[in-house]
Amino acid sequence: MNSWFKIVYIPLLLLFTLGKAQEKLTIGEKQNLFSKVLNENREIWVHLPKTYNDNTINPSKYPVIYLLDGEINFDYYTGLTDFIARTPYADIPECIVVGIKNTERTRDLTPTKAQKKSPVNPDIILFADSGGGENFVKFMQEELKPFINKNYRTQDYSVLVGHSFGGLFAINTFLLHPDYFNAYVANDPSLWWDNKVTISRTKEYLEKNKKFPAKKTLYVSQADNEEQQKNWNSDMTQAIEEFKGIIEKNGSLNYKHSFFEGETHGTVSYPGNYEALKFIFKGFRTDVKQLAKNPKQLEEDYKKFSEKMGTGFTPSETYLNVVIKFMKSNGFKESETYFTNLKDRYYPKK
């Protein structure tokens, strides 16, 4: 009887264990926002930094990254930002990521009304619903950004990230509304659009303004597309190269162009976004070991970084906790006291 009882008991125990509610891992939350500008409901996906709801530290504000094509990019991008923002190896500050899900992608992300014959079937006209880019950026500036700023703890620093048509949209927004965002990322942008209208706009901008606005950043990635060079995609490559020449010749913009060998149009966003974040926030990383010798260097580094970014940045409470722990564990008493006082100044005890 004892043997019979054991055989029955084990499966019952397993069923009980598997039936218990499990804690879920989530990367974001969905928000629905009705746009009067677009006259439609828009679904927004919001990812909060790991420390956002940490009750052991003081509430902080975070830069915001607005990510186009949210349904494609949100999953990997949120993990990417968390990974390179982790202490003590942070290359970027922790950021709120706002993924914007598409409804009519071509309409929203293209700057002008244009039609193009299909490269595989000339009887089919492409992009019939194009040209709504200005309306879409109005939605972002007048409705989406105020919504995010009202409902989340945001810092006055924002980044716009796009790929393909999204990259085209990012560059047009930079040219027409440079003050809307602090930094712009365009991965393999479709600058061939409408007889390279965006390149014409770039030339016109420089003829009128002579140089680009200060403390703005533009990052452009370019895919290899080697196999696609033989057909219509060569227009994209040529247009990106032409844009690169114009920007680099002027030299007034904090700009970087990266060519990714072996990456296609469909894969270049991943390495492009990683490199873009490191470029935008270059100067953010500090060396804990060096701070032991010169504690004042941390504030000096953040002052330089803030001047470069055009927005005030301070060391996070989480990072200061790591610094203090390092100083204590290695016997740097004076430095430990210095950073403890610094933390109390920035983050008064509750």
Protein backbone atom coordinates (compact mmCIF):
# COMPACT_ATOMS: atom_id res chain seq x y z
CA MET A 1 0.00 0.00 0.00
CA ASN A 2 2.85 2.33 0.72
CA SER A 3 4.28 1.81 -2.80
CA TRP A 4 0.89 2.53 -4.37
CA PHE A 5 0.57 5.73 -2.37
CA LYS A 6 3.97 7.02 -3.54
CA ILE A 7 3.19 6.46 -7.22
CA VAL A 8 -0.03 8.41 -7.01
CA TYR A 9 1.33 11.13 -4.78
CA ILE A 10 4.16 12.30 -7.08
CA PRO A 11 1.93 13.22 -10.05
CA LEU A 12 -0.49 14.99 -7.71
CA LEU A 13 2.38 17.05 -6.32
CA LEU A 14 3.54 17.94 -9.84
CA LEU A 15 0.04 18.97 -10.83
CA PHE A 16 -0.24 21.15 -7.76
CA THR A 17 3.13 22.82 -8.48
CA LEU A 18 2.38 23.44 -12.17
CA GLY A 19 -1.04 24.78 -11.33
CA LYS A 20 0.31 27.56 -9.12
CA ALA A 21 0.25 31.04 -10.55
CA GLN A 22 3.66 32.02 -11.96
CA GLU A 23 5.14 35.51 -11.91
CA LYS A 24 5.24 36.91 -15.45
CA LEU A 25 8.12 38.72 -17.07
CA THR A 26 6.90 41.76 -19.00
CA ILE A 27 8.80 44.23 -21.16
CA GLY A 28 6.19 46.94 -21.46
CA GLU A 29 2.63 48.12 -21.35
CA LYS A 30 0.15 49.05 -24.05
CA GLN A 31 -1.48 52.46 -24.14
CA ASN A 32 -4.25 53.58 -26.47
CA LEU A 33 -4.36 57.19 -27.55
CA PHE A 34 -7.01 58.69 -29.81
CA SER A 35 -5.42 61.19 -32.18
CA LYS A 36 -7.51 64.14 -33.26
CA VAL A 37 -4.79 65.03 -35.76
CA LEU A 38 -4.94 61.63 -37.48
CA ASN A 39 -8.58 60.97 -36.59
CA GLU A 40 -7.85 57.43 -35.40
CA ASN A 41 -6.86 55.42 -32.39
CA ARG A 42 -3.12 54.75 -32.01
CA GLU A 43 -1.62 51.91 -30.00
CA ILE A 44 1.55 52.79 -28.11
CA TRP A 45 3.91 50.37 -26.35
CA VAL A 46 5.85 51.76 -23.40
CA HIS A 47 8.91 50.17 -21.80
CA LEU A 48 10.05 51.52 -18.44
CA PRO A 49 13.61 51.27 -17.09
CA LYS A 50 14.29 48.59 -14.49
CA THR A 51 14.68 51.19 -11.74
CA TYR A 52 11.52 53.11 -12.63
CA ASN A 53 9.36 51.46 -9.94
CA ASP A 54 12.17 50.66 -7.49
CA ASN A 55 10.90 51.81 -4.08
CA THR A 56 14.36 51.62 -2.51
CA ILE A 57 15.54 54.70 -4.42
CA ASN A 58 14.18 58.16 -5.08
CA PRO A 59 11.95 58.61 -8.16
CA SER A 60 13.97 59.85 -11.16
CA LYS A 61 13.27 61.21 -14.61
CA TYR A 62 14.43 59.43 -17.77
CA PRO A 63 15.21 60.34 -21.39
CA VAL A 64 12.62 59.10 -23.90
CA ILE A 65 13.28 57.18 -27.10
CA TYR A 66 10.47 57.27 -29.68
CA LEU A 67 10.73 54.10 -31.75
CA LEU A 68 8.96 53.85 -35.11
CA ASP A 69 7.70 50.50 -36.44
CA GLY A 70 7.11 49.47 -32.84
CA GLU A 71 5.60 46.09 -33.69
CA ILE A 72 8.85 45.08 -35.41
CA ASN A 73 11.49 46.69 -33.20
CA PHE A 74 10.10 46.95 -29.66
CA ASP A 75 10.99 43.46 -28.42
CA TYR A 76 14.70 43.57 -29.18
CA TYR A 77 15.19 47.31 -28.72
CA THR A 78 14.01 47.36 -25.11
CA GLY A 79 16.41 44.57 -24.19
CA LEU A 80 19.20 46.39 -26.00
CA THR A 81 18.69 49.62 -24.06
CA ASP A 82 18.49 47.81 -20.73
CA PHE A 83 21.66 45.86 -21.49
CA ILE A 84 23.89 48.84 -22.30
CA ALA A 85 22.41 50.96 -19.49
CA ARG A 86 23.23 48.49 -16.71
CA THR A 87 25.57 49.61 -13.95
CA PRO A 88 28.50 49.74 -13.54
CA TYR A 89 29.10 49.31 -17.30
CA ALA A 90 26.52 51.79 -18.54
CA ASP A 91 27.24 53.43 -21.90
CA ILE A 92 23.87 55.18 -21.85
CA PRO A 93 21.43 56.37 -19.18
CA GLU A 94 18.36 54.26 -18.53
CA CYS A 95 15.64 55.35 -20.97
CA ILE A 96 11.90 55.09 -21.45
CA VAL A 97 11.18 53.49 -24.83
CA VAL A 98 7.95 54.40 -26.63
CA GLY A 99 7.17 52.05 -29.51
CA ILE A 100 4.65 53.41 -32.02
CA LYS A 101 2.62 50.72 -33.75
CA ASN A 102 1.73 51.36 -37.39
CA THR A 103 -1.69 51.76 -38.92
CA GLU A 104 -0.93 53.22 -42.38
CA ARG A 105 2.88 53.10 -42.50
CA THR A 106 3.47 54.56 -45.98
CA ARG A 107 1.02 57.37 -45.32
CA ASP A 108 2.59 58.36 -42.01
CA LEU A 109 6.30 58.05 -42.74
CA THR A 110 6.68 59.60 -46.20
CA PRO A 111 7.15 63.37 -46.70
CA THR A 112 5.44 63.86 -50.07
CA LYS A 113 2.77 62.37 -52.28
CA ALA A 114 4.52 60.11 -54.77
CA GLN A 115 3.76 57.17 -57.01
CA LYS A 116 6.18 54.58 -58.26
CA LYS A 117 5.72 51.60 -60.56
CA SER A 118 6.42 48.23 -58.99
CA PRO A 119 9.88 46.90 -59.98
CA VAL A 120 8.38 43.43 -60.49
CA ASN A 121 5.08 44.44 -62.11
CA PRO A 122 4.90 47.84 -63.93
CA ASP A 123 1.09 47.63 -63.99
CA ILE A 124 1.00 48.10 -60.22
CA ILE A 125 1.42 51.60 -58.79
CA LEU A 126 3.06 51.74 -55.37
CA PHE A 127 2.65 54.25 -52.54
CA ALA A 128 -0.74 55.62 -53.56
CA ASP A 129 -1.50 56.62 -49.95
CA SER A 130 1.78 58.43 -49.31
CA GLY A 131 2.62 61.95 -48.13
CA GLY A 132 1.28 62.18 -44.58
CA GLY A 133 4.60 62.70 -42.80
CA GLU A 134 3.90 66.25 -41.65
CA ASN A 135 0.58 65.19 -40.19
CA PHE A 136 2.23 62.32 -38.36
CA VAL A 137 4.96 64.46 -36.82
CA LYS A 138 2.24 66.87 -35.70
CA PHE A 139 0.56 63.95 -33.93
CA MET A 140 3.83 63.06 -32.23
CA GLN A 141 4.66 66.60 -31.14
CA GLU A 142 1.19 67.82 -30.12
CA GLU A 143 -0.45 64.64 -28.82
CA LEU A 144 1.93 61.75 -28.20
CA LYS A 145 4.79 63.58 -26.48
CA PRO A 146 2.46 65.53 -24.13
CA PHE A 147 0.71 62.25 -23.29
CA ILE A 148 4.00 60.54 -22.42
CA ASN A 149 5.27 63.57 -20.45
CA LYS A 150 2.04 63.70 -18.46
CA ASN A 151 1.86 60.02 -17.58
CA TYR A 152 5.54 59.17 -17.07
CA ARG A 153 8.57 60.73 -15.38
CA THR A 154 10.41 62.07 -18.40
CA GLN A 155 13.62 64.05 -18.72
CA ASP A 156 13.91 66.85 -21.24
CA TYR A 157 15.84 64.74 -23.74
CA SER A 158 14.34 62.67 -26.54
CA VAL A 159 15.51 60.53 -29.44
CA LEU A 160 13.66 59.62 -32.65
CA VAL A 161 14.54 56.24 -34.19
CA GLY A 162 13.43 54.98 -37.61
CA HIS A 163 14.32 52.46 -40.32
CA SER A 164 13.74 52.62 -44.09
CA PHE A 165 10.67 54.86 -44.45
CA GLY A 166 11.09 55.51 -40.72
CA GLY A 167 14.66 56.67 -41.36
CA LEU A 168 13.36 58.93 -44.13
CA PHE A 169 10.83 60.32 -41.65
CA ALA A 170 13.51 60.89 -39.02
CA ILE A 171 15.72 62.89 -41.40
CA ASN A 172 12.82 64.97 -42.69
CA THR A 173 11.78 65.74 -39.12
CA PHE A 174 15.35 66.80 -38.37
CA LEU A 175 15.41 69.15 -41.38
CA LEU A 176 11.97 70.67 -40.88
CA HIS A 177 11.65 70.52 -37.08
CA PRO A 178 15.12 70.10 -35.58
CA ASP A 179 13.98 71.22 -32.13
CA TYR A 180 11.39 68.46 -31.77
CA PHE A 181 14.02 65.90 -30.72
CA ASN A 182 17.59 66.05 -29.43
CA ALA A 183 18.89 63.15 -31.51
CA TYR A 184 17.80 61.41 -34.70
CA VAL A 185 18.57 57.86 -35.86
CA ALA A 186 18.00 56.81 -39.49
CA ASN A 187 18.76 53.19 -40.32
CA ASP A 188 19.14 52.61 -44.06
CA PRO A 189 16.82 55.54 -44.82
CA SER A 190 14.80 55.57 -48.04
CA LEU A 191 16.35 58.81 -49.30
CA TRP A 192 15.58 57.82 -52.89
CA TRP A 193 11.97 58.80 -52.19
CA ASP A 194 10.23 61.08 -54.71
CA ASN A 195 13.31 61.85 -56.83
CA LYS A 196 15.43 62.36 -53.68
CA VAL A 197 13.27 65.18 -52.38
CA THR A 198 14.89 64.92 -48.92
CA ILE A 199 18.36 65.47 -50.37
CA SER A 200 17.03 68.57 -52.11
CA ARG A 201 15.64 69.73 -48.77
CA THR A 202 19.04 69.17 -47.15
CA LYS A 203 20.75 71.37 -49.74
CA GLU A 204 18.07 74.04 -49.34
CA TYR A 205 18.45 73.96 -45.55
CA LEU A 206 22.19 74.57 -45.76
CA GLU A 207 21.83 77.30 -48.38
CA LYS A 208 19.44 79.10 -46.03
CA ASN A 209 21.00 78.38 -42.62
CA LYS A 210 24.67 77.72 -43.54
CA LYS A 211 25.04 75.17 -40.74
CA PHE A 212 22.99 72.75 -38.67
CA PRO A 213 21.65 73.59 -35.18
CA ALA A 214 24.01 73.16 -32.24
CA LYS A 215 23.85 70.22 -29.83
CA LYS A 216 21.82 68.04 -32.19
CA THR A 217 22.87 64.55 -33.19
CA LEU A 218 22.19 62.56 -36.36
CA TYR A 219 23.20 58.94 -36.86
CA VAL A 220 22.76 57.12 -40.19
CA SER A 221 23.42 53.43 -40.79
CA GLN A 222 23.77 51.88 -44.22
CA ALA A 223 23.19 48.26 -45.17
CA ASP A 224 25.44 46.29 -47.50
CA ASN A 225 22.62 45.11 -49.79
CA GLU A 226 25.24 43.57 -52.06
CA GLU A 227 22.86 41.17 -53.74
CA GLN A 228 20.25 43.87 -54.20
CA GLN A 229 22.60 46.39 -55.81
CA LYS A 230 21.73 44.95 -59.22
CA ASN A 231 18.14 46.17 -59.10
CA TRP A 232 16.05 49.06 -57.81
CA ASN A 233 17.68 49.04 -54.36
CA SER A 234 20.80 50.65 -55.83
CA ASP A 235 18.82 53.91 -55.76
CA MET A 236 18.78 53.70 -51.95
CA THR A 237 22.53 53.17 -51.72
CA GLN A 238 23.30 56.04 -54.08
CA ALA A 239 20.98 58.40 -52.23
CA ILE A 240 22.46 57.57 -48.81
CA GLU A 241 25.98 58.11 -50.16
CA GLU A 242 24.97 61.46 -51.65
CA PHE A 243 23.42 62.56 -48.37
CA LYS A 244 26.56 61.49 -46.51
CA GLY A 245 28.72 63.64 -48.78
CA ILE A 246 26.59 66.73 -48.17
CA ILE A 247 26.56 66.33 -44.38
CA GLU A 248 30.26 65.53 -44.02
CA LYS A 249 31.27 68.41 -46.30
CA ASN A 250 29.40 70.87 -44.11
CA GLY A 251 30.93 69.49 -40.89
CA SER A 252 28.76 71.46 -38.44
CA LEU A 253 26.65 68.54 -37.20
CA ASN A 254 27.38 65.89 -34.59
CA TYR A 255 26.99 63.19 -37.23
CA LYS A 256 28.06 59.61 -37.79
CA HIS A 257 27.58 57.33 -40.76
CA SER A 258 28.15 53.58 -40.43
CA PHE A 259 28.32 51.01 -43.20
CA PHE A 260 27.61 47.44 -42.06
CA GLU A 261 29.22 44.84 -44.27
CA GLY A 262 27.10 41.73 -44.68
CA GLU A 263 23.93 43.34 -43.29
CA THR A 264 20.88 43.67 -45.52
CA HIS A 265 18.18 46.29 -45.46
CA GLY A 266 16.11 44.04 -43.22
CA THR A 267 18.82 43.34 -40.62
CA VAL A 268 20.86 46.55 -40.39
CA SER A 269 18.67 48.16 -37.71
CA TYR A 270 19.93 45.90 -34.95
CA PRO A 271 23.65 46.74 -35.16
CA GLY A 272 22.75 50.27 -36.26
CA ASN A 273 20.65 50.96 -33.19
CA TYR A 274 23.34 49.60 -30.86
CA GLU A 275 26.01 51.82 -32.39
CA ALA A 276 23.65 54.79 -32.57
CA LEU A 277 22.93 54.69 -28.85
CA LYS A 278 26.61 54.54 -27.99
CA PHE A 279 27.32 57.44 -30.35
CA ILE A 280 24.47 59.64 -29.08
CA PHE A 281 25.46 59.17 -25.44
CA LYS A 282 29.23 59.15 -25.96
CA GLY A 283 30.89 60.50 -22.84
CA PHE A 284 28.30 59.07 -20.45
CA ARG A 285 30.43 56.16 -19.22
CA THR A 286 32.70 56.72 -16.23
CA ASP A 287 35.42 54.52 -14.72
CA VAL A 288 34.77 53.56 -11.10
CA LYS A 289 38.43 52.71 -10.53
CA GLN A 290 39.56 56.16 -11.67
CA LEU A 291 37.05 57.78 -9.32
CA ALA A 292 38.86 56.25 -6.36
CA LYS A 293 41.87 58.43 -7.18
CA ASN A 294 39.92 61.53 -8.12
CA PRO A 295 36.34 61.59 -6.74
CA LYS A 296 35.63 65.05 -8.20
CA GLN A 297 36.07 63.63 -11.70
CA LEU A 298 32.53 62.25 -11.68
CA GLU A 299 30.89 65.66 -11.41
CA GLU A 300 33.35 67.08 -13.93
CA ASP A 301 32.53 64.32 -16.40
CA TYR A 302 28.80 64.84 -16.00
CA LYS A 303 29.19 68.59 -16.44
CA LYS A 304 31.02 68.07 -19.74
CA PHE A 305 28.47 65.51 -20.84
CA SER A 306 25.54 67.80 -20.00
CA GLU A 307 27.09 70.67 -21.96
CA LYS A 308 27.54 68.41 -24.97
CA MET A 309 23.97 67.08 -24.78
CA GLY A 310 22.31 70.44 -24.15
CA THR A 311 20.45 68.97 -21.17
CA GLY A 312 21.42 68.48 -17.54
CA PHE A 313 22.41 64.94 -16.56
CA THR A 314 23.37 63.76 -13.07
CA PRO A 315 24.67 60.40 -11.79
CA SER A 316 21.81 58.05 -10.99
CA GLU A 317 21.23 56.96 -7.41
CA THR A 318 21.76 53.36 -8.50
CA TYR A 319 25.17 54.20 -9.92
CA LEU A 320 26.19 56.16 -6.83
CA ASN A 321 25.25 53.13 -4.71
CA VAL A 322 27.60 51.02 -6.84
CA VAL A 323 30.40 53.58 -6.48
CA ILE A 324 29.96 53.79 -2.71
CA LYS A 325 29.98 50.00 -2.40
CA PHE A 326 33.17 49.79 -4.47
CA MET A 327 34.92 52.40 -2.34
CA LYS A 328 33.86 50.70 0.87
CA SER A 329 34.86 47.18 -0.21
CA ASN A 330 38.29 48.40 -1.34
CA GLY A 331 39.02 50.53 1.72
CA PHE A 332 38.88 53.96 0.06
CA LYS A 333 37.45 55.74 3.12
CA GLU A 334 37.80 59.33 1.91
CA SER A 335 36.25 58.54 -1.45
CA GLU A 336 33.45 56.61 0.23
CA THR A 337 32.64 59.64 2.38
CA TYR A 338 32.81 61.96 -0.64
CA PHE A 339 30.32 59.92 -2.68
CA THR A 340 28.03 59.33 0.29
CA ASN A 341 27.76 63.10 0.72
CA LEU A 342 27.28 63.53 -3.02
CA LYS A 343 24.45 61.01 -3.01
CA ASP A 344 22.77 62.80 -0.07
CA ARG A 345 23.00 66.06 -2.01
CA TYR A 346 21.47 64.68 -5.19
CA TYR A 347 19.06 62.27 -3.54
CA PRO A 348 18.02 63.39 -0.03
CA LYS A 349 16.88 60.58 2.22
CA LYS A 350 13.15 60.05 2.41
